[in-house]
mmCIF file of all heavy atoms, coordinates in Angstrom:
data_MODEL
# 
_entry.id   MODEL 
# 
loop_
_atom_site.group_PDB 
_atom_site.id 
_atom_site.type_symbol 
_atom_site.label_atom_id 
_atom_site.label_alt_id 
_atom_site.label_comp_id 
_atom_site.label_asym_id 
_atom_site.label_entity_id 
_atom_site.label_seq_id 
_atom_site.pdbx_PDB_ins_code 
_atom_site.Cartn_x 
_atom_site.Cartn_y 
_atom_site.Cartn_z 
_atom_site.occupancy 
_atom_site.B_iso_or_equiv 
_atom_site.pdbx_formal_charge 
_atom_site.auth_seq_id 
_atom_site.auth_comp_id 
_atom_site.auth_asym_id 
_atom_site.auth_atom_id 
_atom_site.pdbx_PDB_model_num 
ATOM 1   N N   . TYR A 1 1  ? 5.310   12.332  1.577   1.00 0.00 ? 1  TYR A N   1 
ATOM 2   C CA  . TYR A 1 1  ? 5.076   11.783  2.934   1.00 0.00 ? 1  TYR A CA  1 
ATOM 3   C C   . TYR A 1 1  ? 5.219   10.266  2.856   1.00 0.00 ? 1  TYR A C   1 
ATOM 4   O O   . TYR A 1 1  ? 4.705   9.633   1.965   1.00 0.00 ? 1  TYR A O   1 
ATOM 5   C CB  . TYR A 1 1  ? 3.661   12.104  3.423   1.00 0.00 ? 1  TYR A CB  1 
ATOM 6   C CG  . TYR A 1 1  ? 3.377   13.586  3.513   1.00 0.00 ? 1  TYR A CG  1 
ATOM 7   C CD1 . TYR A 1 1  ? 2.747   14.264  2.471   1.00 0.00 ? 1  TYR A CD1 1 
ATOM 8   C CD2 . TYR A 1 1  ? 3.727   14.292  4.646   1.00 0.00 ? 1  TYR A CD2 1 
ATOM 9   C CE1 . TYR A 1 1  ? 2.450   15.620  2.542   1.00 0.00 ? 1  TYR A CE1 1 
ATOM 10  C CE2 . TYR A 1 1  ? 3.452   15.649  4.746   1.00 0.00 ? 1  TYR A CE2 1 
ATOM 11  C CZ  . TYR A 1 1  ? 2.841   16.311  3.702   1.00 0.00 ? 1  TYR A CZ  1 
ATOM 12  O OH  . TYR A 1 1  ? 2.549   17.627  3.804   1.00 0.00 ? 1  TYR A OH  1 
ATOM 13  N N   . ASP A 1 2  ? 5.911   9.677   3.826   1.00 0.00 ? 2  ASP A N   1 
ATOM 14  C CA  . ASP A 1 2  ? 6.005   8.227   3.944   1.00 0.00 ? 2  ASP A CA  1 
ATOM 15  C C   . ASP A 1 2  ? 4.778   7.767   4.703   1.00 0.00 ? 2  ASP A C   1 
ATOM 16  O O   . ASP A 1 2  ? 4.622   8.108   5.894   1.00 0.00 ? 2  ASP A O   1 
ATOM 17  C CB  . ASP A 1 2  ? 7.293   7.852   4.686   1.00 0.00 ? 2  ASP A CB  1 
ATOM 18  C CG  . ASP A 1 2  ? 7.502   6.359   4.757   1.00 0.00 ? 2  ASP A CG  1 
ATOM 19  O OD1 . ASP A 1 2  ? 6.598   5.560   4.302   1.00 0.00 ? 2  ASP A OD1 1 
ATOM 20  O OD2 . ASP A 1 2  ? 8.548   5.919   5.275   1.00 0.00 ? 2  ASP A OD2 1 
ATOM 21  N N   . ILE A 1 3  ? 3.905   7.028   4.055   1.00 0.00 ? 3  ILE A N   1 
ATOM 22  C CA  . ILE A 1 3  ? 2.671   6.540   4.718   1.00 0.00 ? 3  ILE A CA  1 
ATOM 23  C C   . ILE A 1 3  ? 2.731   5.035   4.918   1.00 0.00 ? 3  ILE A C   1 
ATOM 24  O O   . ILE A 1 3  ? 1.689   4.401   5.134   1.00 0.00 ? 3  ILE A O   1 
ATOM 25  C CB  . ILE A 1 3  ? 1.419   6.978   3.972   1.00 0.00 ? 3  ILE A CB  1 
ATOM 26  C CG1 . ILE A 1 3  ? 1.354   6.383   2.570   1.00 0.00 ? 3  ILE A CG1 1 
ATOM 27  C CG2 . ILE A 1 3  ? 1.282   8.486   3.954   1.00 0.00 ? 3  ILE A CG2 1 
ATOM 28  C CD1 . ILE A 1 3  ? -0.016  6.513   1.909   1.00 0.00 ? 3  ILE A CD1 1 
ATOM 29  N N   . THR A 1 4  ? 3.944   4.455   4.871   1.00 0.00 ? 4  THR A N   1 
ATOM 30  C CA  . THR A 1 4  ? 4.100   3.040   5.140   1.00 0.00 ? 4  THR A CA  1 
ATOM 31  C C   . THR A 1 4  ? 3.559   2.695   6.501   1.00 0.00 ? 4  THR A C   1 
ATOM 32  O O   . THR A 1 4  ? 3.724   3.473   7.443   1.00 0.00 ? 4  THR A O   1 
ATOM 33  C CB  . THR A 1 4  ? 5.615   2.651   5.028   1.00 0.00 ? 4  THR A CB  1 
ATOM 34  O OG1 . THR A 1 4  ? 6.099   3.079   3.769   1.00 0.00 ? 4  THR A OG1 1 
ATOM 35  C CG2 . THR A 1 4  ? 5.814   1.173   5.210   1.00 0.00 ? 4  THR A CG2 1 
ATOM 36  N N   . ARG A 1 5  ? 2.972   1.553   6.631   1.00 0.00 ? 5  ARG A N   1 
ATOM 37  C CA  . ARG A 1 5  ? 2.390   1.125   7.916   1.00 0.00 ? 5  ARG A CA  1 
ATOM 38  C C   . ARG A 1 5  ? 3.475   1.172   9.020   1.00 0.00 ? 5  ARG A C   1 
ATOM 39  O O   . ARG A 1 5  ? 4.671   1.033   8.751   1.00 0.00 ? 5  ARG A O   1 
ATOM 40  C CB  . ARG A 1 5  ? 1.834   -0.274  7.796   1.00 0.00 ? 5  ARG A CB  1 
ATOM 41  C CG  . ARG A 1 5  ? 2.904   -1.286  7.485   1.00 0.00 ? 5  ARG A CG  1 
ATOM 42  C CD  . ARG A 1 5  ? 2.309   -2.645  7.272   1.00 0.00 ? 5  ARG A CD  1 
ATOM 43  N NE  . ARG A 1 5  ? 3.393   -3.588  6.864   1.00 0.00 ? 5  ARG A NE  1 
ATOM 44  C CZ  . ARG A 1 5  ? 3.173   -4.791  6.452   1.00 0.00 ? 5  ARG A CZ  1 
ATOM 45  N NH1 . ARG A 1 5  ? 1.934   -5.256  6.422   1.00 0.00 ? 5  ARG A NH1 1 
ATOM 46  N NH2 . ARG A 1 5  ? 4.171   -5.548  6.122   1.00 0.00 ? 5  ARG A NH2 1 
ATOM 47  N N   . LEU A 1 6  ? 3.026   1.385   10.244  1.00 0.00 ? 6  LEU A N   1 
ATOM 48  C CA  . LEU A 1 6  ? 3.959   1.423   11.363  1.00 0.00 ? 6  LEU A CA  1 
ATOM 49  C C   . LEU A 1 6  ? 4.556   0.072   11.696  1.00 0.00 ? 6  LEU A C   1 
ATOM 50  O O   . LEU A 1 6  ? 5.617   0.010   12.297  1.00 0.00 ? 6  LEU A O   1 
ATOM 51  C CB  . LEU A 1 6  ? 3.255   2.001   12.601  1.00 0.00 ? 6  LEU A CB  1 
ATOM 52  C CG  . LEU A 1 6  ? 2.902   3.484   12.517  1.00 0.00 ? 6  LEU A CG  1 
ATOM 53  C CD1 . LEU A 1 6  ? 2.063   3.918   13.704  1.00 0.00 ? 6  LEU A CD1 1 
ATOM 54  C CD2 . LEU A 1 6  ? 4.149   4.323   12.400  1.00 0.00 ? 6  LEU A CD2 1 
ATOM 55  N N   . ALA A 1 7  ? 3.890   -1.018  11.277  1.00 0.00 ? 7  ALA A N   1 
ATOM 56  C CA  . ALA A 1 7  ? 4.379   -2.376  11.577  1.00 0.00 ? 7  ALA A CA  1 
ATOM 57  C C   . ALA A 1 7  ? 5.629   -2.734  10.796  1.00 0.00 ? 7  ALA A C   1 
ATOM 58  O O   . ALA A 1 7  ? 6.216   -3.764  11.029  1.00 0.00 ? 7  ALA A O   1 
ATOM 59  C CB  . ALA A 1 7  ? 3.263   -3.386  11.310  1.00 0.00 ? 7  ALA A CB  1 
ATOM 60  N N   . GLY A 1 8  ? 6.048   -1.906  9.862   1.00 0.00 ? 8  GLY A N   1 
ATOM 61  C CA  . GLY A 1 8  ? 7.285   -2.199  9.122   1.00 0.00 ? 8  GLY A CA  1 
ATOM 62  C C   . GLY A 1 8  ? 7.078   -2.231  7.629   1.00 0.00 ? 8  GLY A C   1 
ATOM 63  O O   . GLY A 1 8  ? 5.959   -2.017  7.131   1.00 0.00 ? 8  GLY A O   1 
ATOM 64  N N   . PRO A 1 9  ? 8.126   -2.551  6.891   1.00 0.00 ? 9  PRO A N   1 
ATOM 65  C CA  . PRO A 1 9  ? 8.056   -2.523  5.408   1.00 0.00 ? 9  PRO A CA  1 
ATOM 66  C C   . PRO A 1 9  ? 7.154   -3.609  4.868   1.00 0.00 ? 9  PRO A C   1 
ATOM 67  O O   . PRO A 1 9  ? 6.891   -4.605  5.567   1.00 0.00 ? 9  PRO A O   1 
ATOM 68  C CB  . PRO A 1 9  ? 9.500   -2.700  4.973   1.00 0.00 ? 9  PRO A CB  1 
ATOM 69  C CG  . PRO A 1 9  ? 10.178  -3.333  6.119   1.00 0.00 ? 9  PRO A CG  1 
ATOM 70  C CD  . PRO A 1 9  ? 9.469   -2.875  7.356   1.00 0.00 ? 9  PRO A CD  1 
ATOM 71  N N   . TYR A 1 10 ? 6.731   -3.430  3.623   1.00 0.00 ? 10 TYR A N   1 
ATOM 72  C CA  . TYR A 1 10 ? 5.913   -4.440  2.953   1.00 0.00 ? 10 TYR A CA  1 
ATOM 73  C C   . TYR A 1 10 ? 6.791   -5.511  2.352   1.00 0.00 ? 10 TYR A C   1 
ATOM 74  O O   . TYR A 1 10 ? 7.964   -5.346  2.179   1.00 0.00 ? 10 TYR A O   1 
ATOM 75  C CB  . TYR A 1 10 ? 5.051   -3.748  1.872   1.00 0.00 ? 10 TYR A CB  1 
ATOM 76  C CG  . TYR A 1 10 ? 4.093   -2.745  2.464   1.00 0.00 ? 10 TYR A CG  1 
ATOM 77  C CD1 . TYR A 1 10 ? 4.320   -1.382  2.367   1.00 0.00 ? 10 TYR A CD1 1 
ATOM 78  C CD2 . TYR A 1 10 ? 2.988   -3.174  3.181   1.00 0.00 ? 10 TYR A CD2 1 
ATOM 79  C CE1 . TYR A 1 10 ? 3.465   -0.474  2.941   1.00 0.00 ? 10 TYR A CE1 1 
ATOM 80  C CE2 . TYR A 1 10 ? 2.119   -2.245  3.757   1.00 0.00 ? 10 TYR A CE2 1 
ATOM 81  C CZ  . TYR A 1 10 ? 2.353   -0.901  3.634   1.00 0.00 ? 10 TYR A CZ  1 
ATOM 82  O OH  . TYR A 1 10 ? 1.529   0.009   4.212   1.00 0.00 ? 10 TYR A OH  1 
ATOM 83  N N   . ASN A 1 11 ? 6.157   -6.638  2.018   1.00 0.00 ? 11 ASN A N   1 
ATOM 84  C CA  . ASN A 1 11 ? 6.893   -7.813  1.582   1.00 0.00 ? 11 ASN A CA  1 
ATOM 85  C C   . ASN A 1 11 ? 6.693   -8.136  0.088   1.00 0.00 ? 11 ASN A C   1 
ATOM 86  O O   . ASN A 1 11 ? 6.911   -9.265  -0.344  1.00 0.00 ? 11 ASN A O   1 
ATOM 87  C CB  . ASN A 1 11 ? 6.468   -9.052  2.379   1.00 0.00 ? 11 ASN A CB  1 
ATOM 88  C CG  . ASN A 1 11 ? 6.730   -8.864  3.848   1.00 0.00 ? 11 ASN A CG  1 
ATOM 89  O OD1 . ASN A 1 11 ? 7.829   -8.478  4.247   1.00 0.00 ? 11 ASN A OD1 1 
ATOM 90  N ND2 . ASN A 1 11 ? 5.732   -9.021  4.680   1.00 0.00 ? 11 ASN A ND2 1 
ATOM 91  N N   . THR A 1 12 ? 6.297   -7.183  -0.696  1.00 0.00 ? 12 THR A N   1 
ATOM 92  C CA  . THR A 1 12 ? 5.988   -7.457  -2.092  1.00 0.00 ? 12 THR A CA  1 
ATOM 93  C C   . THR A 1 12 ? 7.258   -7.505  -2.967  1.00 0.00 ? 12 THR A C   1 
ATOM 94  O O   . THR A 1 12 ? 8.325   -7.233  -2.490  1.00 0.00 ? 12 THR A O   1 
ATOM 95  C CB  . THR A 1 12 ? 4.996   -6.407  -2.615  1.00 0.00 ? 12 THR A CB  1 
ATOM 96  O OG1 . THR A 1 12 ? 4.504   -6.845  -3.895  1.00 0.00 ? 12 THR A OG1 1 
ATOM 97  C CG2 . THR A 1 12 ? 5.666   -5.078  -2.814  1.00 0.00 ? 12 THR A CG2 1 
ATOM 98  N N   . ASP A 1 13 ? 7.091   -7.945  -4.192  1.00 0.00 ? 13 ASP A N   1 
ATOM 99  C CA  . ASP A 1 13 ? 8.198   -7.944  -5.122  1.00 0.00 ? 13 ASP A CA  1 
ATOM 100 C C   . ASP A 1 13 ? 7.682   -7.406  -6.491  1.00 0.00 ? 13 ASP A C   1 
ATOM 101 O O   . ASP A 1 13 ? 6.526   -7.101  -6.607  1.00 0.00 ? 13 ASP A O   1 
ATOM 102 C CB  . ASP A 1 13 ? 8.818   -9.365  -5.262  1.00 0.00 ? 13 ASP A CB  1 
ATOM 103 C CG  . ASP A 1 13 ? 7.828   -10.387 -5.751  1.00 0.00 ? 13 ASP A CG  1 
ATOM 104 O OD1 . ASP A 1 13 ? 6.944   -10.052 -6.563  1.00 0.00 ? 13 ASP A OD1 1 
ATOM 105 O OD2 . ASP A 1 13 ? 7.938   -11.538 -5.329  1.00 0.00 ? 13 ASP A OD2 1 
ATOM 106 N N   . SER A 1 14 ? 8.570   -7.367  -7.447  1.00 0.00 ? 14 SER A N   1 
ATOM 107 C CA  . SER A 1 14 ? 8.220   -6.765  -8.714  1.00 0.00 ? 14 SER A CA  1 
ATOM 108 C C   . SER A 1 14 ? 7.197   -7.532  -9.542  1.00 0.00 ? 14 SER A C   1 
ATOM 109 O O   . SER A 1 14 ? 6.667   -7.043  -10.507 1.00 0.00 ? 14 SER A O   1 
ATOM 110 C CB  . SER A 1 14 ? 9.465   -6.474  -9.550  1.00 0.00 ? 14 SER A CB  1 
ATOM 111 O OG  . SER A 1 14 ? 10.116  -7.705  -9.804  1.00 0.00 ? 14 SER A OG  1 
ATOM 112 N N   . THR A 1 15 ? 6.894   -8.777  -9.142  1.00 0.00 ? 15 THR A N   1 
ATOM 113 C CA  . THR A 1 15 ? 5.858   -9.540  -9.862  1.00 0.00 ? 15 THR A CA  1 
ATOM 114 C C   . THR A 1 15 ? 4.464   -9.385  -9.258  1.00 0.00 ? 15 THR A C   1 
ATOM 115 O O   . THR A 1 15 ? 3.490   -9.750  -9.879  1.00 0.00 ? 15 THR A O   1 
ATOM 116 C CB  . THR A 1 15 ? 6.234   -11.065 -9.863  1.00 0.00 ? 15 THR A CB  1 
ATOM 117 O OG1 . THR A 1 15 ? 6.229   -11.516 -8.511  1.00 0.00 ? 15 THR A OG1 1 
ATOM 118 C CG2 . THR A 1 15 ? 7.568   -11.283 -10.493 1.00 0.00 ? 15 THR A CG2 1 
ATOM 119 N N   . GLN A 1 16 ? 4.408   -8.838  -8.037  1.00 0.00 ? 16 GLN A N   1 
ATOM 120 C CA  . GLN A 1 16 ? 3.145   -8.605  -7.395  1.00 0.00 ? 16 GLN A CA  1 
ATOM 121 C C   . GLN A 1 16 ? 2.822   -7.124  -7.477  1.00 0.00 ? 16 GLN A C   1 
ATOM 122 O O   . GLN A 1 16 ? 3.357   -6.330  -6.705  1.00 0.00 ? 16 GLN A O   1 
ATOM 123 C CB  . GLN A 1 16 ? 3.183   -9.022  -5.892  1.00 0.00 ? 16 GLN A CB  1 
ATOM 124 C CG  . GLN A 1 16 ? 3.398   -10.479 -5.665  1.00 0.00 ? 16 GLN A CG  1 
ATOM 125 C CD  . GLN A 1 16 ? 2.121   -11.243 -5.988  1.00 0.00 ? 16 GLN A CD  1 
ATOM 126 O OE1 . GLN A 1 16 ? 2.065   -11.937 -6.966  1.00 0.00 ? 16 GLN A OE1 1 
ATOM 127 N NE2 . GLN A 1 16 ? 1.105   -11.122 -5.172  1.00 0.00 ? 16 GLN A NE2 1 
ATOM 128 N N   . LEU A 1 17 ? 1.951   -6.780  -8.411  1.00 0.00 ? 17 LEU A N   1 
ATOM 129 C CA  . LEU A 1 17 ? 1.600   -5.362  -8.535  1.00 0.00 ? 17 LEU A CA  1 
ATOM 130 C C   . LEU A 1 17 ? 0.628   -4.905  -7.477  1.00 0.00 ? 17 LEU A C   1 
ATOM 131 O O   . LEU A 1 17 ? -0.234  -5.694  -7.034  1.00 0.00 ? 17 LEU A O   1 
ATOM 132 C CB  . LEU A 1 17 ? 1.001   -5.100  -9.920  1.00 0.00 ? 17 LEU A CB  1 
ATOM 133 C CG  . LEU A 1 17 ? 1.951   -5.384  -11.090 1.00 0.00 ? 17 LEU A CG  1 
ATOM 134 C CD1 . LEU A 1 17 ? 1.230   -5.144  -12.397 1.00 0.00 ? 17 LEU A CD1 1 
ATOM 135 C CD2 . LEU A 1 17 ? 3.177   -4.502  -11.001 1.00 0.00 ? 17 LEU A CD2 1 
ATOM 136 N N   . TRP A 1 18 ? 0.736   -3.692  -7.054  1.00 0.00 ? 18 TRP A N   1 
ATOM 137 C CA  . TRP A 1 18 ? -0.194  -3.098  -6.100  1.00 0.00 ? 18 TRP A CA  1 
ATOM 138 C C   . TRP A 1 18 ? -1.505  -2.808  -6.833  1.00 0.00 ? 18 TRP A C   1 
ATOM 139 O O   . TRP A 1 18 ? -1.508  -2.338  -7.961  1.00 0.00 ? 18 TRP A O   1 
ATOM 140 C CB  . TRP A 1 18 ? 0.338   -1.804  -5.536  1.00 0.00 ? 18 TRP A CB  1 
ATOM 141 C CG  . TRP A 1 18 ? 1.456   -1.947  -4.580  1.00 0.00 ? 18 TRP A CG  1 
ATOM 142 C CD1 . TRP A 1 18 ? 2.792   -2.068  -4.873  1.00 0.00 ? 18 TRP A CD1 1 
ATOM 143 C CD2 . TRP A 1 18 ? 1.368   -1.947  -3.150  1.00 0.00 ? 18 TRP A CD2 1 
ATOM 144 N NE1 . TRP A 1 18 ? 3.522   -2.163  -3.729  1.00 0.00 ? 18 TRP A NE1 1 
ATOM 145 C CE2 . TRP A 1 18 ? 2.690   -2.113  -2.656  1.00 0.00 ? 18 TRP A CE2 1 
ATOM 146 C CE3 . TRP A 1 18 ? 0.304   -1.878  -2.265  1.00 0.00 ? 18 TRP A CE3 1 
ATOM 147 C CZ2 . TRP A 1 18 ? 2.945   -2.164  -1.301  1.00 0.00 ? 18 TRP A CZ2 1 
ATOM 148 C CZ3 . TRP A 1 18 ? 0.570   -1.947  -0.913  1.00 0.00 ? 18 TRP A CZ3 1 
ATOM 149 C CH2 . TRP A 1 18 ? 1.857   -2.068  -0.446  1.00 0.00 ? 18 TRP A CH2 1 
ATOM 150 N N   . THR A 1 19 ? -2.609  -3.081  -6.187  1.00 0.00 ? 19 THR A N   1 
ATOM 151 C CA  . THR A 1 19 ? -3.937  -2.687  -6.672  1.00 0.00 ? 19 THR A CA  1 
ATOM 152 C C   . THR A 1 19 ? -4.611  -1.863  -5.578  1.00 0.00 ? 19 THR A C   1 
ATOM 153 O O   . THR A 1 19 ? -4.160  -1.855  -4.429  1.00 0.00 ? 19 THR A O   1 
ATOM 154 C CB  . THR A 1 19 ? -4.802  -3.908  -6.990  1.00 0.00 ? 19 THR A CB  1 
ATOM 155 O OG1 . THR A 1 19 ? -5.000  -4.700  -5.817  1.00 0.00 ? 19 THR A OG1 1 
ATOM 156 C CG2 . THR A 1 19 ? -4.195  -4.782  -8.090  1.00 0.00 ? 19 THR A CG2 1 
ATOM 157 N N   . GLY A 1 20 ? -5.637  -1.162  -5.911  1.00 0.00 ? 20 GLY A N   1 
ATOM 158 C CA  . GLY A 1 20 ? -6.316  -0.409  -4.918  1.00 0.00 ? 20 GLY A CA  1 
ATOM 159 C C   . GLY A 1 20 ? -7.153  0.704   -5.559  1.00 0.00 ? 20 GLY A C   1 
ATOM 160 O O   . GLY A 1 20 ? -7.496  0.653   -6.743  1.00 0.00 ? 20 GLY A O   1 
ATOM 161 N N   . GLY A 1 21 ? -7.425  1.737   -4.776  1.00 0.00 ? 21 GLY A N   1 
ATOM 162 C CA  . GLY A 1 21 ? -8.264  2.822   -5.232  1.00 0.00 ? 21 GLY A CA  1 
ATOM 163 C C   . GLY A 1 21 ? -8.762  3.620   -4.060  1.00 0.00 ? 21 GLY A C   1 
ATOM 164 O O   . GLY A 1 21 ? -8.147  3.642   -2.993  1.00 0.00 ? 21 GLY A O   1 
ATOM 165 N N   . VAL A 1 22 ? -9.906  4.235   -4.248  1.00 0.00 ? 22 VAL A N   1 
ATOM 166 C CA  . VAL A 1 22 ? -10.545 5.030   -3.212  1.00 0.00 ? 22 VAL A CA  1 
ATOM 167 C C   . VAL A 1 22 ? -11.978 4.578   -3.048  1.00 0.00 ? 22 VAL A C   1 
ATOM 168 O O   . VAL A 1 22 ? -12.688 4.408   -4.019  1.00 0.00 ? 22 VAL A O   1 
ATOM 169 C CB  . VAL A 1 22 ? -10.485 6.542   -3.604  1.00 0.00 ? 22 VAL A CB  1 
ATOM 170 C CG1 . VAL A 1 22 ? -11.201 7.394   -2.569  1.00 0.00 ? 22 VAL A CG1 1 
ATOM 171 C CG2 . VAL A 1 22 ? -9.061  6.996   -3.782  1.00 0.00 ? 22 VAL A CG2 1 
ATOM 172 N N   . LEU A 1 23 ? -12.412 4.388   -1.816  1.00 0.00 ? 23 LEU A N   1 
ATOM 173 C CA  . LEU A 1 23 ? -13.762 3.986   -1.495  1.00 0.00 ? 23 LEU A CA  1 
ATOM 174 C C   . LEU A 1 23 ? -14.251 4.870   -0.346  1.00 0.00 ? 23 LEU A C   1 
ATOM 175 O O   . LEU A 1 23 ? -13.601 4.884   0.713   1.00 0.00 ? 23 LEU A O   1 
ATOM 176 C CB  . LEU A 1 23 ? -13.879 2.521   -1.145  1.00 0.00 ? 23 LEU A CB  1 
ATOM 177 C CG  . LEU A 1 23 ? -15.281 2.064   -0.717  1.00 0.00 ? 23 LEU A CG  1 
ATOM 178 C CD1 . LEU A 1 23 ? -16.211 2.112   -1.955  1.00 0.00 ? 23 LEU A CD1 1 
ATOM 179 C CD2 . LEU A 1 23 ? -15.286 0.677   -0.127  1.00 0.00 ? 23 LEU A CD2 1 
ATOM 180 N N   . GLY A 1 24 ? -15.298 5.626   -0.554  1.00 0.00 ? 24 GLY A N   1 
ATOM 181 C CA  . GLY A 1 24 ? -15.844 6.482   0.478   1.00 0.00 ? 24 GLY A CA  1 
ATOM 182 C C   . GLY A 1 24 ? -14.844 7.544   0.929   1.00 0.00 ? 24 GLY A C   1 
ATOM 183 O O   . GLY A 1 24 ? -14.819 7.904   2.071   1.00 0.00 ? 24 GLY A O   1 
ATOM 184 N N   . GLY A 1 25 ? -13.958 7.948   0.022   1.00 0.00 ? 25 GLY A N   1 
ATOM 185 C CA  . GLY A 1 25 ? -12.985 8.970   0.334   1.00 0.00 ? 25 GLY A CA  1 
ATOM 186 C C   . GLY A 1 25 ? -11.724 8.427   1.022   1.00 0.00 ? 25 GLY A C   1 
ATOM 187 O O   . GLY A 1 25 ? -10.842 9.213   1.370   1.00 0.00 ? 25 GLY A O   1 
ATOM 188 N N   . LEU A 1 26 ? -11.630 7.121   1.226   1.00 0.00 ? 26 LEU A N   1 
ATOM 189 C CA  . LEU A 1 26 ? -10.474 6.519   1.860   1.00 0.00 ? 26 LEU A CA  1 
ATOM 190 C C   . LEU A 1 26 ? -9.657  5.718   0.872   1.00 0.00 ? 26 LEU A C   1 
ATOM 191 O O   . LEU A 1 26 ? -10.178 4.885   0.120   1.00 0.00 ? 26 LEU A O   1 
ATOM 192 C CB  . LEU A 1 26 ? -10.928 5.607   3.015   1.00 0.00 ? 26 LEU A CB  1 
ATOM 193 C CG  . LEU A 1 26 ? -11.764 6.257   4.114   1.00 0.00 ? 26 LEU A CG  1 
ATOM 194 C CD1 . LEU A 1 26 ? -12.193 5.218   5.143   1.00 0.00 ? 26 LEU A CD1 1 
ATOM 195 C CD2 . LEU A 1 26 ? -10.990 7.385   4.775   1.00 0.00 ? 26 LEU A CD2 1 
ATOM 196 N N   . LEU A 1 27 ? -8.366  5.956   0.892   1.00 0.00 ? 27 LEU A N   1 
ATOM 197 C CA  . LEU A 1 27 ? -7.414  5.272   0.018   1.00 0.00 ? 27 LEU A CA  1 
ATOM 198 C C   . LEU A 1 27 ? -7.199  3.839   0.542   1.00 0.00 ? 27 LEU A C   1 
ATOM 199 O O   . LEU A 1 27 ? -6.937  3.655   1.739   1.00 0.00 ? 27 LEU A O   1 
ATOM 200 C CB  . LEU A 1 27 ? -6.100  6.013   -0.033  1.00 0.00 ? 27 LEU A CB  1 
ATOM 201 C CG  . LEU A 1 27 ? -4.953  5.357   -0.784  1.00 0.00 ? 27 LEU A CG  1 
ATOM 202 C CD1 . LEU A 1 27 ? -5.214  5.356   -2.280  1.00 0.00 ? 27 LEU A CD1 1 
ATOM 203 C CD2 . LEU A 1 27 ? -3.635  6.098   -0.441  1.00 0.00 ? 27 LEU A CD2 1 
# 
């Protein structure tokens, strides 16, 4: 499933790693 935001593509590059996780059942 593509869950990219509706506002358009993200602006990251290969030097900016994604971070995150799950809090209260929400990604």
